[in-house]
């Protein structure tokens, strides 16, 4: 039984930490009226205001997409895209013809 717990801990340690830009986007979505619309209440909602991305783990295989990309792509995803969203991306209109 002790060996099983040790093996489980070793597997947990191998999980990637959550990406900060991904967690920031998730927080924004969860608070937006057209997104999650504050569906978490009480203690469940507190984790998003206090947790740091390095305290969270990424359970999705999507998290590995950032670890294997070149520096420019990582910069765009981590810096440029969040900046763009904060500074007016919501104002763009896309026409469908």
N, C-alpha and C. Protein backbone atom coordinates (compact mmCIF):
# COMPACT_ATOMS: atom_id res chain seq x y z
N UNK A 1 0.81 -1.20 0.00
CA UNK A 1 0.00 0.00 0.00
C UNK A 1 0.86 1.26 0.00
N UNK A 2 1.97 1.26 0.74
CA UNK A 2 2.85 2.42 0.77
C UNK A 2 3.46 2.67 -0.60
N UNK A 3 3.83 1.57 -1.29
CA UNK A 3 4.41 1.72 -2.62
C UNK A 3 3.40 2.33 -3.60
N UNK A 4 2.13 1.96 -3.46
CA UNK A 4 1.09 2.49 -4.33
C UNK A 4 0.96 4.00 -4.16
N UNK A 5 0.96 4.47 -2.91
CA UNK A 5 0.85 5.90 -2.64
C UNK A 5 2.07 6.64 -3.19
N UNK A 6 3.23 6.05 -3.06
CA UNK A 6 4.45 6.67 -3.58
C UNK A 6 4.40 6.78 -5.10
N UNK A 7 3.92 5.74 -5.76
CA UNK A 7 3.80 5.76 -7.22
C UNK A 7 2.77 6.80 -7.67
N UNK A 8 1.68 6.92 -6.94
CA UNK A 8 0.67 7.93 -7.27
C UNK A 8 1.25 9.34 -7.11
N UNK A 9 2.02 9.56 -6.06
CA UNK A 9 2.64 10.86 -5.85
C UNK A 9 3.63 11.17 -6.97
N UNK A 10 4.38 10.18 -7.41
CA UNK A 10 5.32 10.38 -8.51
C UNK A 10 4.57 10.76 -9.79
N UNK A 11 3.41 10.15 -10.04
CA UNK A 11 2.62 10.50 -11.21
C UNK A 11 2.06 11.92 -11.11
N UNK A 12 1.63 12.30 -9.92
CA UNK A 12 1.13 13.66 -9.73
C UNK A 12 2.22 14.70 -9.98
N UNK A 13 3.43 14.38 -9.56
CA UNK A 13 4.54 15.32 -9.75
C UNK A 13 4.89 15.51 -11.21
N UNK A 14 4.52 14.58 -12.06
CA UNK A 14 4.81 14.68 -13.49
C UNK A 14 3.81 15.55 -14.25
N UNK A 15 2.67 15.88 -13.62
CA UNK A 15 1.68 16.71 -14.29
C UNK A 15 2.23 18.10 -14.53
N UNK A 16 1.88 18.67 -15.67
CA UNK A 16 2.32 20.02 -15.98
C UNK A 16 1.54 21.03 -15.15
N UNK A 17 2.20 22.16 -14.85
CA UNK A 17 1.47 23.23 -14.18
C UNK A 17 0.61 23.95 -15.21
N UNK A 18 -0.41 24.59 -14.75
CA UNK A 18 -1.32 25.30 -15.65
C UNK A 18 -0.63 26.54 -16.22
N UNK A 19 -0.96 26.86 -17.45
CA UNK A 19 -0.42 28.04 -18.13
C UNK A 19 -1.15 29.29 -17.63
N UNK A 20 -0.40 30.33 -17.27
CA UNK A 20 -1.01 31.54 -16.71
C UNK A 20 -2.00 32.19 -17.67
N UNK A 21 -1.66 32.28 -18.95
CA UNK A 21 -2.59 32.92 -19.88
C UNK A 21 -3.86 32.09 -20.03
N UNK A 22 -3.75 30.76 -19.96
CA UNK A 22 -4.94 29.92 -20.02
C UNK A 22 -5.82 30.10 -18.80
N UNK A 23 -5.21 30.17 -17.61
CA UNK A 23 -6.02 30.35 -16.40
C UNK A 23 -6.63 31.75 -16.35
N UNK A 24 -5.89 32.76 -16.84
CA UNK A 24 -6.46 34.12 -16.90
C UNK A 24 -7.66 34.16 -17.82
N UNK A 25 -7.54 33.50 -18.98
CA UNK A 25 -8.66 33.45 -19.92
C UNK A 25 -9.86 32.74 -19.30
N UNK A 26 -9.59 31.63 -18.61
CA UNK A 26 -10.67 30.89 -17.95
C UNK A 26 -11.37 31.75 -16.90
N UNK A 27 -10.60 32.48 -16.10
CA UNK A 27 -11.19 33.37 -15.08
C UNK A 27 -12.09 34.40 -15.74
N UNK A 28 -11.59 35.02 -16.83
CA UNK A 28 -12.37 36.05 -17.53
C UNK A 28 -13.66 35.46 -18.08
N UNK A 29 -13.56 34.27 -18.69
CA UNK A 29 -14.74 33.63 -19.24
C UNK A 29 -15.76 33.31 -18.15
N UNK A 30 -15.27 32.79 -17.02
CA UNK A 30 -16.18 32.39 -15.94
C UNK A 30 -16.92 33.59 -15.35
N UNK A 31 -16.32 34.78 -15.42
CA UNK A 31 -16.96 35.97 -14.86
C UNK A 31 -17.84 36.70 -15.87
N UNK A 32 -17.70 36.40 -17.14
CA UNK A 32 -18.43 37.14 -18.18
C UNK A 32 -19.88 36.66 -18.27
N UNK A 33 -20.83 37.59 -18.43
CA UNK A 33 -22.25 37.20 -18.51
C UNK A 33 -22.55 36.23 -19.65
N UNK A 34 -21.82 36.33 -20.77
CA UNK A 34 -22.05 35.42 -21.89
C UNK A 34 -21.22 34.14 -21.78
N UNK A 35 -20.45 34.03 -20.73
CA UNK A 35 -19.63 32.84 -20.51
C UNK A 35 -20.19 32.03 -19.35
N UNK A 36 -19.38 31.94 -18.30
CA UNK A 36 -19.79 31.17 -17.12
C UNK A 36 -20.78 31.90 -16.24
N UNK A 37 -20.81 33.23 -16.37
CA UNK A 37 -21.77 34.06 -15.63
C UNK A 37 -21.76 33.77 -14.12
N UNK A 38 -20.55 33.69 -13.56
CA UNK A 38 -20.37 33.48 -12.11
C UNK A 38 -21.14 32.26 -11.60
N UNK A 39 -21.05 31.14 -12.32
CA UNK A 39 -21.80 29.95 -11.89
C UNK A 39 -21.23 29.33 -10.63
N UNK A 40 -19.96 29.59 -10.31
CA UNK A 40 -19.39 29.08 -9.06
C UNK A 40 -19.71 30.05 -7.93
N UNK A 41 -20.11 29.53 -6.82
CA UNK A 41 -20.49 30.35 -5.67
C UNK A 41 -19.71 29.91 -4.44
N UNK A 42 -19.57 30.80 -3.49
CA UNK A 42 -18.96 30.46 -2.20
C UNK A 42 -17.52 30.01 -2.31
N UNK A 43 -17.19 28.97 -1.57
CA UNK A 43 -15.81 28.46 -1.53
C UNK A 43 -15.30 28.00 -2.89
N UNK A 44 -16.19 27.46 -3.71
CA UNK A 44 -15.78 26.99 -5.02
C UNK A 44 -15.24 28.13 -5.88
N UNK A 45 -15.78 29.33 -5.72
CA UNK A 45 -15.34 30.47 -6.51
C UNK A 45 -14.04 31.07 -5.98
N UNK A 46 -13.72 30.85 -4.72
CA UNK A 46 -12.54 31.47 -4.12
C UNK A 46 -11.22 30.99 -4.71
N UNK A 47 -11.19 29.77 -5.21
CA UNK A 47 -9.94 29.23 -5.74
C UNK A 47 -9.40 30.10 -6.87
N UNK A 48 -10.28 30.68 -7.68
CA UNK A 48 -9.82 31.46 -8.83
C UNK A 48 -9.28 32.81 -8.44
N UNK A 49 -9.63 33.31 -7.27
CA UNK A 49 -9.10 34.61 -6.85
C UNK A 49 -7.82 34.46 -6.04
N UNK A 50 -7.53 33.27 -5.53
CA UNK A 50 -6.35 33.09 -4.67
C UNK A 50 -5.28 32.21 -5.27
N UNK A 51 -5.64 31.32 -6.17
CA UNK A 51 -4.66 30.34 -6.69
C UNK A 51 -3.69 30.99 -7.67
N UNK A 52 -2.47 30.52 -7.62
CA UNK A 52 -1.47 30.90 -8.61
C UNK A 52 -1.40 29.76 -9.62
N UNK A 53 -1.10 30.07 -10.90
CA UNK A 53 -1.04 28.99 -11.91
C UNK A 53 -0.07 27.87 -11.53
N UNK A 54 1.01 28.19 -10.82
CA UNK A 54 1.94 27.12 -10.45
C UNK A 54 1.41 26.23 -9.35
N UNK A 55 0.26 26.60 -8.76
CA UNK A 55 -0.38 25.74 -7.76
C UNK A 55 -1.44 24.83 -8.38
N UNK A 56 -1.73 25.07 -9.64
CA UNK A 56 -2.74 24.29 -10.36
C UNK A 56 -2.05 23.33 -11.32
N UNK A 57 -2.73 22.28 -11.70
CA UNK A 57 -2.17 21.35 -12.67
C UNK A 57 -3.05 21.36 -13.91
N UNK A 58 -2.44 21.04 -15.03
CA UNK A 58 -3.16 20.96 -16.29
C UNK A 58 -3.47 19.50 -16.57
N UNK A 59 -4.74 19.17 -16.60
CA UNK A 59 -5.14 17.79 -16.85
C UNK A 59 -5.41 17.53 -18.32
N UNK A 60 -5.48 18.57 -19.10
CA UNK A 60 -5.77 18.43 -20.52
C UNK A 60 -4.48 18.22 -21.31
N UNK A 61 -4.58 17.49 -22.39
CA UNK A 61 -3.43 17.33 -23.27
C UNK A 61 -3.13 18.62 -24.01
N UNK A 62 -4.05 19.57 -23.99
CA UNK A 62 -3.82 20.85 -24.66
C UNK A 62 -2.69 21.62 -24.00
N UNK A 63 -2.43 21.39 -22.73
CA UNK A 63 -1.38 22.13 -22.06
C UNK A 63 -0.02 21.85 -22.66
N UNK A 64 0.18 20.67 -23.21
CA UNK A 64 1.49 20.33 -23.76
C UNK A 64 1.77 21.06 -25.06
N UNK A 65 0.78 21.69 -25.66
CA UNK A 65 1.00 22.39 -26.92
C UNK A 65 1.97 23.54 -26.76
N UNK A 66 2.07 24.10 -25.55
CA UNK A 66 2.95 25.25 -25.33
C UNK A 66 4.37 24.81 -25.03
N UNK A 67 4.54 23.64 -24.50
CA UNK A 67 5.87 23.19 -24.14
C UNK A 67 6.74 22.83 -25.33
N UNK A 68 6.12 22.51 -26.46
CA UNK A 68 6.87 22.06 -27.62
C UNK A 68 6.91 23.09 -28.73
N UNK A 69 6.57 24.33 -28.47
CA UNK A 69 6.56 25.33 -29.53
C UNK A 69 7.82 26.19 -29.46
N UNK A 70 8.07 26.93 -30.54
CA UNK A 70 9.24 27.79 -30.58
C UNK A 70 9.02 29.02 -29.70
N UNK A 71 10.06 29.77 -29.46
CA UNK A 71 10.00 30.92 -28.57
C UNK A 71 9.03 32.00 -29.03
N UNK A 72 8.97 32.26 -30.35
CA UNK A 72 8.08 33.30 -30.85
C UNK A 72 6.61 32.92 -30.63
N UNK A 73 6.27 31.67 -30.89
CA UNK A 73 4.89 31.21 -30.68
C UNK A 73 4.52 31.27 -29.20
N UNK A 74 5.44 30.87 -28.34
CA UNK A 74 5.20 30.95 -26.90
C UNK A 74 4.99 32.39 -26.47
N UNK A 75 5.78 33.32 -27.02
CA UNK A 75 5.63 34.75 -26.69
C UNK A 75 4.27 35.26 -27.16
N UNK A 76 3.89 34.91 -28.39
CA UNK A 76 2.59 35.36 -28.91
C UNK A 76 1.46 34.86 -28.03
N UNK A 77 1.51 33.58 -27.66
CA UNK A 77 0.44 33.01 -26.84
C UNK A 77 0.44 33.60 -25.43
N UNK A 78 1.61 33.78 -24.86
CA UNK A 78 1.69 34.23 -23.47
C UNK A 78 1.61 35.72 -23.26
N UNK A 79 1.99 36.50 -24.28
CA UNK A 79 2.03 37.96 -24.11
C UNK A 79 1.12 38.71 -25.08
N UNK A 80 1.30 38.46 -26.38
CA UNK A 80 0.59 39.24 -27.39
C UNK A 80 -0.92 38.98 -27.39
N UNK A 81 -1.32 37.73 -27.39
CA UNK A 81 -2.75 37.41 -27.42
C UNK A 81 -3.48 37.95 -26.19
N UNK A 82 -2.96 37.74 -24.96
CA UNK A 82 -3.65 38.33 -23.80
C UNK A 82 -3.71 39.86 -23.87
N UNK A 83 -2.64 40.50 -24.36
CA UNK A 83 -2.64 41.97 -24.49
C UNK A 83 -3.73 42.39 -25.47
N UNK A 84 -3.80 41.68 -26.59
CA UNK A 84 -4.80 41.99 -27.61
C UNK A 84 -6.22 41.87 -27.05
N UNK A 85 -6.47 40.84 -26.26
CA UNK A 85 -7.79 40.65 -25.66
C UNK A 85 -8.11 41.77 -24.67
N UNK A 86 -7.11 42.20 -23.91
CA UNK A 86 -7.34 43.27 -22.93
C UNK A 86 -7.57 44.63 -23.59
N UNK A 87 -7.01 44.84 -24.78
CA UNK A 87 -7.04 46.15 -25.41
C UNK A 87 -7.90 46.22 -26.66
N UNK A 88 -9.05 45.64 -26.64
CA UNK A 88 -10.02 45.91 -27.68
C UNK A 88 -10.39 44.80 -28.62
N UNK A 89 -9.96 43.59 -28.41
CA UNK A 89 -10.36 42.51 -29.31
C UNK A 89 -11.87 42.35 -29.32
N UNK A 90 -12.51 42.66 -28.21
CA UNK A 90 -13.96 42.52 -28.12
C UNK A 90 -14.69 43.51 -29.00
N UNK A 91 -14.00 44.57 -29.48
CA UNK A 91 -14.63 45.59 -30.30
C UNK A 91 -14.63 45.25 -31.80
N UNK A 92 -13.87 44.24 -32.17
CA UNK A 92 -13.78 43.86 -33.58
C UNK A 92 -15.07 43.18 -34.02
N UNK A 93 -15.50 43.52 -35.20
CA UNK A 93 -16.68 42.90 -35.78
C UNK A 93 -16.25 42.10 -37.00
N UNK A 94 -16.74 40.90 -37.12
CA UNK A 94 -16.44 40.04 -38.25
C UNK A 94 -17.70 39.93 -39.08
N UNK A 95 -17.58 40.29 -40.36
CA UNK A 95 -18.76 40.19 -41.24
C UNK A 95 -18.76 38.82 -41.91
N UNK A 96 -19.90 38.20 -41.91
CA UNK A 96 -20.07 36.90 -42.56
C UNK A 96 -20.84 37.12 -43.85
N UNK A 97 -20.25 36.74 -44.96
CA UNK A 97 -20.95 36.94 -46.25
C UNK A 97 -21.34 35.65 -46.87
